[in-house]
Amino acid sequence: MSDAPSHCPCCGQLNQCPQATSASPVTQCWCFAVTIDAQQLANLAPQLRNSSCLCPRCAQGLPPDSPPATD
């Protein structure tokens, strides 16, 4: 998949991460309000880990056609 900071390493779609496009630390992100699926992180190839953020759908371990949960 993609190794661009603004794309999800699982599916290649935009990860909607404000930090990916900011030169300084952010204080708000969608990921602050969801539980990240540990299995999704474990399934990442080692070279993709810590390279970019997951998208909301992949972070929650949802299938590609389901909407991500929002709070």
PDB file of N, CA and C in Angstrom:
ATOM      1  N   MET A   1       0.837  -1.180   0.000  1.00  0.00           N
ATOM      2  CA  MET A   1       0.000   0.000   0.000  1.00  0.00           C
ATOM      3  C   MET A   1       0.882   1.244   0.000  1.00  0.00           C
ATOM      4  N   SER A   2       0.280   2.347   0.290  1.00  0.00           N
ATOM      5  CA  SER A   2       0.959   3.635   0.207  1.00  0.00           C
ATOM      6  C   SER A   2       1.918   3.854   1.372  1.00  0.00           C
ATOM      7  N   ASP A   3       3.007   4.557   1.089  1.00  0.00           N
ATOM      8  CA  ASP A   3       3.907   4.951   2.173  1.00  0.00           C
ATOM      9  C   ASP A   3       3.859   6.463   2.372  1.00  0.00           C
ATOM     10  N   ALA A   4       2.880   7.149   1.772  1.00  0.00           N
ATOM     11  CA  ALA A   4       2.697   8.587   1.960  1.00  0.00           C
ATOM     12  C   ALA A   4       2.077   8.820   3.335  1.00  0.00           C
ATOM     13  N   PRO A   5       2.533   9.827   4.074  1.00  0.00           N
ATOM     14  CA  PRO A   5       2.001  10.071   5.421  1.00  0.00           C
ATOM     15  C   PRO A   5       0.501  10.364   5.453  1.00  0.00           C
ATOM     16  N   SER A   6      -0.062  10.832   4.354  1.00  0.00           N
ATOM     17  CA  SER A   6      -1.482  11.175   4.334  1.00  0.00           C
ATOM     18  C   SER A   6      -2.375  10.021   3.888  1.00  0.00           C
ATOM     19  N   HIS A   7      -1.789   8.843   3.653  1.00  0.00           N
ATOM     20  CA  HIS A   7      -2.561   7.690   3.194  1.00  0.00           C
ATOM     21  C   HIS A   7      -2.439   6.517   4.167  1.00  0.00           C
ATOM     22  N   CYS A   8      -3.519   5.782   4.299  1.00  0.00           N
ATOM     23  CA  CYS A   8      -3.581   4.626   5.180  1.00  0.00           C
ATOM     24  C   CYS A   8      -2.670   3.514   4.651  1.00  0.00           C
ATOM     25  N   PRO A   9      -1.812   2.944   5.497  1.00  0.00           N
ATOM     26  CA  PRO A   9      -0.945   1.861   5.048  1.00  0.00           C
ATOM     27  C   PRO A   9      -1.687   0.545   4.789  1.00  0.00           C
ATOM     28  N   CYS A  10      -2.929   0.433   5.261  1.00  0.00           N
ATOM     29  CA  CYS A  10      -3.718  -0.785   5.024  1.00  0.00           C
ATOM     30  C   CYS A  10      -4.439  -0.750   3.684  1.00  0.00           C
ATOM     31  N   CYS A  11      -5.150   0.351   3.417  1.00  0.00           N
ATOM     32  CA  CYS A  11      -6.005   0.397   2.230  1.00  0.00           C
ATOM     33  C   CYS A  11      -5.555   1.407   1.181  1.00  0.00           C
ATOM     34  N   GLY A  12      -4.658   2.316   1.552  1.00  0.00           N
ATOM     35  CA  GLY A  12      -4.157   3.306   0.599  1.00  0.00           C
ATOM     36  C   GLY A  12      -5.019   4.542   0.449  1.00  0.00           C
ATOM     37  N   GLN A  13      -6.164   4.581   1.130  1.00  0.00           N
ATOM     38  CA  GLN A  13      -7.033   5.757   1.061  1.00  0.00           C
ATOM     39  C   GLN A  13      -6.502   6.862   1.976  1.00  0.00           C
ATOM     40  N   LEU A  14      -7.008   8.085   1.793  1.00  0.00           N
ATOM     41  CA  LEU A  14      -6.617   9.175   2.679  1.00  0.00           C
ATOM     42  C   LEU A  14      -6.943   8.796   4.115  1.00  0.00           C
ATOM     43  N   ASN A  15      -6.015   9.062   5.028  1.00  0.00           N
ATOM     44  CA  ASN A  15      -6.226   8.662   6.418  1.00  0.00           C
ATOM     45  C   ASN A  15      -6.909   9.730   7.268  1.00  0.00           C
ATOM     46  N   GLN A  16      -7.142  10.907   6.700  1.00  0.00           N
ATOM     47  CA  GLN A  16      -7.837  11.992   7.395  1.00  0.00           C
ATOM     48  C   GLN A  16      -7.097  12.424   8.655  1.00  0.00           C
ATOM     49  N   CYS A  17      -5.776  12.292   8.645  1.00  0.00           N
ATOM     50  CA  CYS A  17      -4.948  12.646   9.798  1.00  0.00           C
ATOM     51  C   CYS A  17      -4.470  14.090   9.686  1.00  0.00           C
ATOM     52  N   PRO A  18      -4.854  14.952  10.616  1.00  0.00           N
ATOM     53  CA  PRO A  18      -4.396  16.336  10.560  1.00  0.00           C
ATOM     54  C   PRO A  18      -2.877  16.454  10.756  1.00  0.00           C
ATOM     55  N   GLN A  19      -2.290  15.530  11.487  1.00  0.00           N
ATOM     56  CA  GLN A  19      -0.843  15.592  11.720  1.00  0.00           C
ATOM     57  C   GLN A  19      -0.063  15.330  10.434  1.00  0.00           C
ATOM     58  N   ALA A  20      -0.618  14.566   9.519  1.00  0.00           N
ATOM     59  CA  ALA A  20       0.065  14.236   8.275  1.00  0.00           C
ATOM     60  C   ALA A  20       0.331  15.474   7.421  1.00  0.00           C
ATOM     61  N   THR A  21      -0.479  16.500   7.591  1.00  0.00           N
ATOM     62  CA  THR A  21      -0.327  17.713   6.785  1.00  0.00           C
ATOM     63  C   THR A  21       0.097  18.915   7.610  1.00  0.00           C
ATOM     64  N   SER A  22       0.514  18.692   8.847  1.00  0.00           N
ATOM     65  CA  SER A  22       0.903  19.787   9.732  1.00  0.00           C
ATOM     66  C   SER A  22       2.361  19.660  10.144  1.00  0.00           C
ATOM     67  N   ALA A  23       3.038  20.789  10.168  1.00  0.00           N
ATOM     68  CA  ALA A  23       4.434  20.797  10.593  1.00  0.00           C
ATOM     69  C   ALA A  23       4.569  20.804  12.113  1.00  0.00           C
ATOM     70  N   SER A  24       3.495  21.118  12.817  1.00  0.00           N
ATOM     71  CA  SER A  24       3.534  21.146  14.277  1.00  0.00           C
ATOM     72  C   SER A  24       2.528  20.150  14.842  1.00  0.00           C
ATOM     73  N   PRO A  25       2.700  19.756  16.095  1.00  0.00           N
ATOM     74  CA  PRO A  25       1.781  18.780  16.703  1.00  0.00           C
ATOM     75  C   PRO A  25       0.335  19.283  16.694  1.00  0.00           C
ATOM     76  N   VAL A  26      -0.599  18.377  16.499  1.00  0.00           N
ATOM     77  CA  VAL A  26      -2.014  18.724  16.517  1.00  0.00           C
ATOM     78  C   VAL A  26      -2.618  18.376  17.870  1.00  0.00           C
ATOM     79  N   THR A  27      -3.721  19.032  18.188  1.00  0.00           N
ATOM     80  CA  THR A  27      -4.390  18.771  19.464  1.00  0.00           C
ATOM     81  C   THR A  27      -5.714  18.053  19.282  1.00  0.00           C
ATOM     82  N   GLN A  28      -6.195  17.935  18.043  1.00  0.00           N
ATOM     83  CA  GLN A  28      -7.442  17.236  17.768  1.00  0.00           C
ATOM     84  C   GLN A  28      -7.281  16.337  16.551  1.00  0.00           C
ATOM     85  N   CYS A  29      -7.743  15.112  16.667  1.00  0.00           N
ATOM     86  CA  CYS A  29      -7.736  14.172  15.555  1.00  0.00           C
ATOM     87  C   CYS A  29      -8.858  13.167  15.791  1.00  0.00           C
ATOM     88  N   TRP A  30      -9.400  12.625  14.716  1.00  0.00           N
ATOM     89  CA  TRP A  30     -10.472  11.634  14.845  1.00  0.00           C
ATOM     90  C   TRP A  30     -10.031  10.447  15.697  1.00  0.00           C
ATOM     91  N   CYS A  31      -8.738  10.121  15.638  1.00  0.00           N
ATOM     92  CA  CYS A  31      -8.253   8.924  16.348  1.00  0.00           C
ATOM     93  C   CYS A  31      -8.242   9.095  17.862  1.00  0.00           C
ATOM     94  N   PHE A  32      -8.356  10.336  18.350  1.00  0.00           N
ATOM     95  CA  PHE A  32      -8.393  10.551  19.790  1.00  0.00           C
ATOM     96  C   PHE A  32      -9.692  10.031  20.398  1.00  0.00           C
ATOM     97  N   ALA A  33     -10.725   9.802  19.562  1.00  0.00           N
ATOM     98  CA  ALA A  33     -12.039   9.429  20.062  1.00  0.00           C
ATOM     99  C   ALA A  33     -12.437   7.986  19.735  1.00  0.00           C
ATOM    100  N   VAL A  34     -11.549   7.200  19.139  1.00  0.00           N
ATOM    101  CA  VAL A  34     -11.887   5.817  18.798  1.00  0.00           C
ATOM    102  C   VAL A  34     -10.863   4.857  19.392  1.00  0.00           C
ATOM    103  N   THR A  35     -11.259   3.611  19.505  1.00  0.00           N
ATOM    104  CA  THR A  35     -10.336   2.566  19.919  1.00  0.00           C
ATOM    105  C   THR A  35      -9.723   1.971  18.662  1.00  0.00           C
ATOM    106  N   ILE A  36      -8.394   1.966  18.589  1.00  0.00           N
ATOM    107  CA  ILE A  36      -7.696   1.428  17.429  1.00  0.00           C
ATOM    108  C   ILE A  36      -7.638  -0.097  17.570  1.00  0.00           C
ATOM    109  N   ASP A  37      -8.031  -0.792  16.526  1.00  0.00           N
ATOM    110  CA  ASP A  37      -8.041  -2.251  16.519  1.00  0.00           C
ATOM    111  C   ASP A  37      -6.603  -2.785  16.527  1.00  0.00           C
ATOM    112  N   ALA A  38      -6.218  -3.433  17.594  1.00  0.00           N
ATOM    113  CA  ALA A  38      -4.849  -3.944  17.740  1.00  0.00           C
ATOM    114  C   ALA A  38      -4.490  -4.942  16.644  1.00  0.00           C
ATOM    115  N   GLN A  39      -5.459  -5.707  16.180  1.00  0.00           N
ATOM    116  CA  GLN A  39      -5.181  -6.688  15.138  1.00  0.00           C
ATOM    117  C   GLN A  39      -4.803  -6.013  13.828  1.00  0.00           C
ATOM    118  N   GLN A  40      -5.414  -4.873  13.521  1.00  0.00           N
ATOM    119  CA  GLN A  40      -5.055  -4.133  12.307  1.00  0.00           C
ATOM    120  C   GLN A  40      -3.588  -3.728  12.361  1.00  0.00           C
ATOM    121  N   LEU A  41      -3.144  -3.254  13.507  1.00  0.00           N
ATOM    122  CA  LEU A  41      -1.733  -2.867  13.654  1.00  0.00           C
ATOM    123  C   LEU A  41      -0.831  -4.087  13.539  1.00  0.00           C
ATOM    124  N   ALA A  42      -1.226  -5.184  14.145  1.00  0.00           N
ATOM    125  CA  ALA A  42      -0.429  -6.408  14.096  1.00  0.00           C
ATOM    126  C   ALA A  42      -0.330  -6.967  12.682  1.00  0.00           C
ATOM    127  N   ASN A  43      -1.353  -6.739  11.870  1.00  0.00           N
ATOM    128  CA  ASN A  43      -1.372  -7.254  10.500  1.00  0.00           C
ATOM    129  C   ASN A  43      -0.510  -6.440   9.535  1.00  0.00           C
ATOM    130  N   LEU A  44      -0.096  -5.251   9.945  1.00  0.00           N
ATOM    131  CA  LEU A  44       0.731  -4.421   9.062  1.00  0.00           C
ATOM    132  C   LEU A  44       2.108  -5.042   8.861  1.00  0.00           C
ATOM    133  N   ALA A  45       2.592  -4.969   7.639  1.00  0.00           N
ATOM    134  CA  ALA A  45       3.961  -5.413   7.369  1.00  0.00           C
ATOM    135  C   ALA A  45       4.919  -4.523   8.158  1.00  0.00           C
ATOM    136  N   PRO A  46       6.012  -5.071   8.663  1.00  0.00           N
ATOM    137  CA  PRO A  46       6.942  -4.278   9.480  1.00  0.00           C
ATOM    138  C   PRO A  46       7.384  -2.966   8.831  1.00  0.00           C
ATOM    139  N   GLN A  47       7.592  -2.959   7.521  1.00  0.00           N
ATOM    140  CA  GLN A  47       8.056  -1.742   6.859  1.00  0.00           C
ATOM    141  C   GLN A  47       6.974  -0.657   6.781  1.00  0.00           C
ATOM    142  N   LEU A  48       5.707  -1.019   7.030  1.00  0.00           N
ATOM    143  CA  LEU A  48       4.620  -0.044   7.001  1.00  0.00           C
ATOM    144  C   LEU A  48       4.273   0.502   8.379  1.00  0.00           C
ATOM    145  N   ARG A  49       4.772  -0.130   9.414  1.00  0.00           N
ATOM    146  CA  ARG A  49       4.480   0.321  10.775  1.00  0.00           C
ATOM    147  C   ARG A  49       5.181   1.644  11.056  1.00  0.00           C
ATOM    148  N   ASN A  50       4.464   2.512  11.745  1.00  0.00           N
ATOM    149  CA  ASN A  50       4.991   3.821  12.142  1.00  0.00           C
ATOM    150  C   ASN A  50       5.376   4.707  10.961  1.00  0.00           C
ATOM    151  N   SER A  51       4.788   4.441   9.789  1.00  0.00           N
ATOM    152  CA  SER A  51       5.089   5.275   8.626  1.00  0.00           C
ATOM    153  C   SER A  51       3.965   6.252   8.326  1.00  0.00           C
ATOM    154  N   SER A  52       2.735   5.878   8.639  1.00  0.00           N
ATOM    155  CA  SER A  52       1.584   6.758   8.459  1.00  0.00           C
ATOM    156  C   SER A  52       0.421   6.222   9.288  1.00  0.00           C
ATOM    157  N   CYS A  53      -0.586   7.051   9.460  1.00  0.00           N
ATOM    158  CA  CYS A  53      -1.752   6.673  10.263  1.00  0.00           C
ATOM    159  C   CYS A  53      -2.727   5.831   9.460  1.00  0.00           C
ATOM    160  N   LEU A  54      -3.452   4.991  10.162  1.00  0.00           N
ATOM    161  CA  LEU A  54      -4.540   4.246   9.556  1.00  0.00           C
ATOM    162  C   LEU A  54      -5.697   5.210   9.278  1.00  0.00           C
ATOM    163  N   CYS A  55      -6.560   4.854   8.339  1.00  0.00           N
ATOM    164  CA  CYS A  55      -7.780   5.633   8.106  1.00  0.00           C
ATOM    165  C   CYS A  55      -8.803   5.237   9.179  1.00  0.00           C
ATOM    166  N   PRO A  56      -9.870   6.013   9.366  1.00  0.00           N
ATOM    167  CA  PRO A  56     -10.854   5.671  10.398  1.00  0.00           C
ATOM    168  C   PRO A  56     -11.432   4.273  10.253  1.00  0.00           C
ATOM    169  N   ARG A  57     -11.695   3.841   9.044  1.00  0.00           N
ATOM    170  CA  ARG A  57     -12.295   2.520   8.823  1.00  0.00           C
ATOM    171  C   ARG A  57     -11.319   1.405   9.208  1.00  0.00           C
ATOM    172  N   CYS A  58     -10.108   1.488   8.703  1.00  0.00           N
ATOM    173  CA  CYS A  58      -9.125   0.443   9.003  1.00  0.00           C
ATOM    174  C   CYS A  58      -8.743   0.459  10.478  1.00  0.00           C
ATOM    175  N   ALA A  59      -8.664   1.632  11.070  1.00  0.00           N
ATOM    176  CA  ALA A  59      -8.305   1.739  12.488  1.00  0.00           C
ATOM    177  C   ALA A  59      -9.298   0.999  13.367  1.00  0.00           C
ATOM    178  N   GLN A  60     -10.540   0.943  12.924  1.00  0.00           N
ATOM    179  CA  GLN A  60     -11.580   0.263  13.694  1.00  0.00           C
ATOM    180  C   GLN A  60     -11.776  -1.176  13.266  1.00  0.00           C
ATOM    181  N   GLY A  61     -10.964  -1.641  12.302  1.00  0.00           N
ATOM    182  CA  GLY A  61     -11.050  -3.024  11.853  1.00  0.00           C
ATOM    183  C   GLY A  61     -12.302  -3.320  11.062  1.00  0.00           C
ATOM    184  N   LEU A  62     -12.846  -2.305  10.383  1.00  0.00           N
ATOM    185  CA  LEU A  62     -14.090  -2.465   9.630  1.00  0.00           C
ATOM    186  C   LEU A  62     -13.810  -2.856   8.187  1.00  0.00           C
ATOM    187  N   PRO A  63     -14.746  -3.558   7.550  1.00  0.00           N
ATOM    188  CA  PRO A  63     -14.598  -3.882   6.137  1.00  0.00           C
ATOM    189  C   PRO A  63     -14.617  -2.601   5.298  1.00  0.00           C
ATOM    190  N   PRO A  64     -14.039  -2.636   4.105  1.00  0.00           N
ATOM    191  CA  PRO A  64     -13.930  -1.441   3.266  1.00  0.00           C
ATOM    192  C   PRO A  64     -15.241  -0.745   2.930  1.00  0.00           C
ATOM    193  N   ASP A  65     -16.355  -1.455   2.905  1.00  0.00           N
ATOM    194  CA  ASP A  65     -17.617  -0.827   2.512  1.00  0.00           C
ATOM    195  C   ASP A  65     -18.488  -0.374   3.675  1.00  0.00           C
ATOM    196  N   SER A  66     -18.015  -0.488   4.904  1.00  0.00           N
ATOM    197  CA  SER A  66     -18.816  -0.069   6.042  1.00  0.00           C
ATOM    198  C   SER A  66     -18.371   1.316   6.523  1.00  0.00           C
ATOM    199  N   PRO A  67     -19.321   2.108   7.008  1.00  0.00           N
ATOM    200  CA  PRO A  67     -18.955   3.439   7.506  1.00  0.00           C
ATOM    201  C   PRO A  67     -18.242   3.343   8.847  1.00  0.00           C
ATOM    202  N   PRO A  68     -17.231   4.202   9.074  1.00  0.00           N
ATOM    203  CA  PRO A  68     -16.560   4.192  10.369  1.00  0.00           C
ATOM    204  C   PRO A  68     -17.482   4.727  11.457  1.00  0.00           C
ATOM    205  N   ALA A  69     -17.292   4.266  12.667  1.00  0.00           N
ATOM    206  CA  ALA A  69     -18.073   4.756  13.792  1.00  0.00           C
ATOM    207  C   ALA A  69     -17.630   6.158  14.148  1.00  0.00           C
ATOM    208  N   THR A  70     -18.561   6.981  14.547  1.00  0.00           N
ATOM    209  CA  THR A  70     -18.250   8.343  14.977  1.00  0.00           C
ATOM    210  C   THR A  70     -18.903   8.591  16.316  1.00  0.00           C
ATOM    211  N   ASP A  71     -18.261   9.420  17.116  1.00  0.00           N
ATOM    212  CA  ASP A  71     -18.828   9.789  18.425  1.00  0.00           C
ATOM    213  C   ASP A  71     -19.263  11.221  18.406  1.00  0.00           C
TER     214      ASP A  71
END
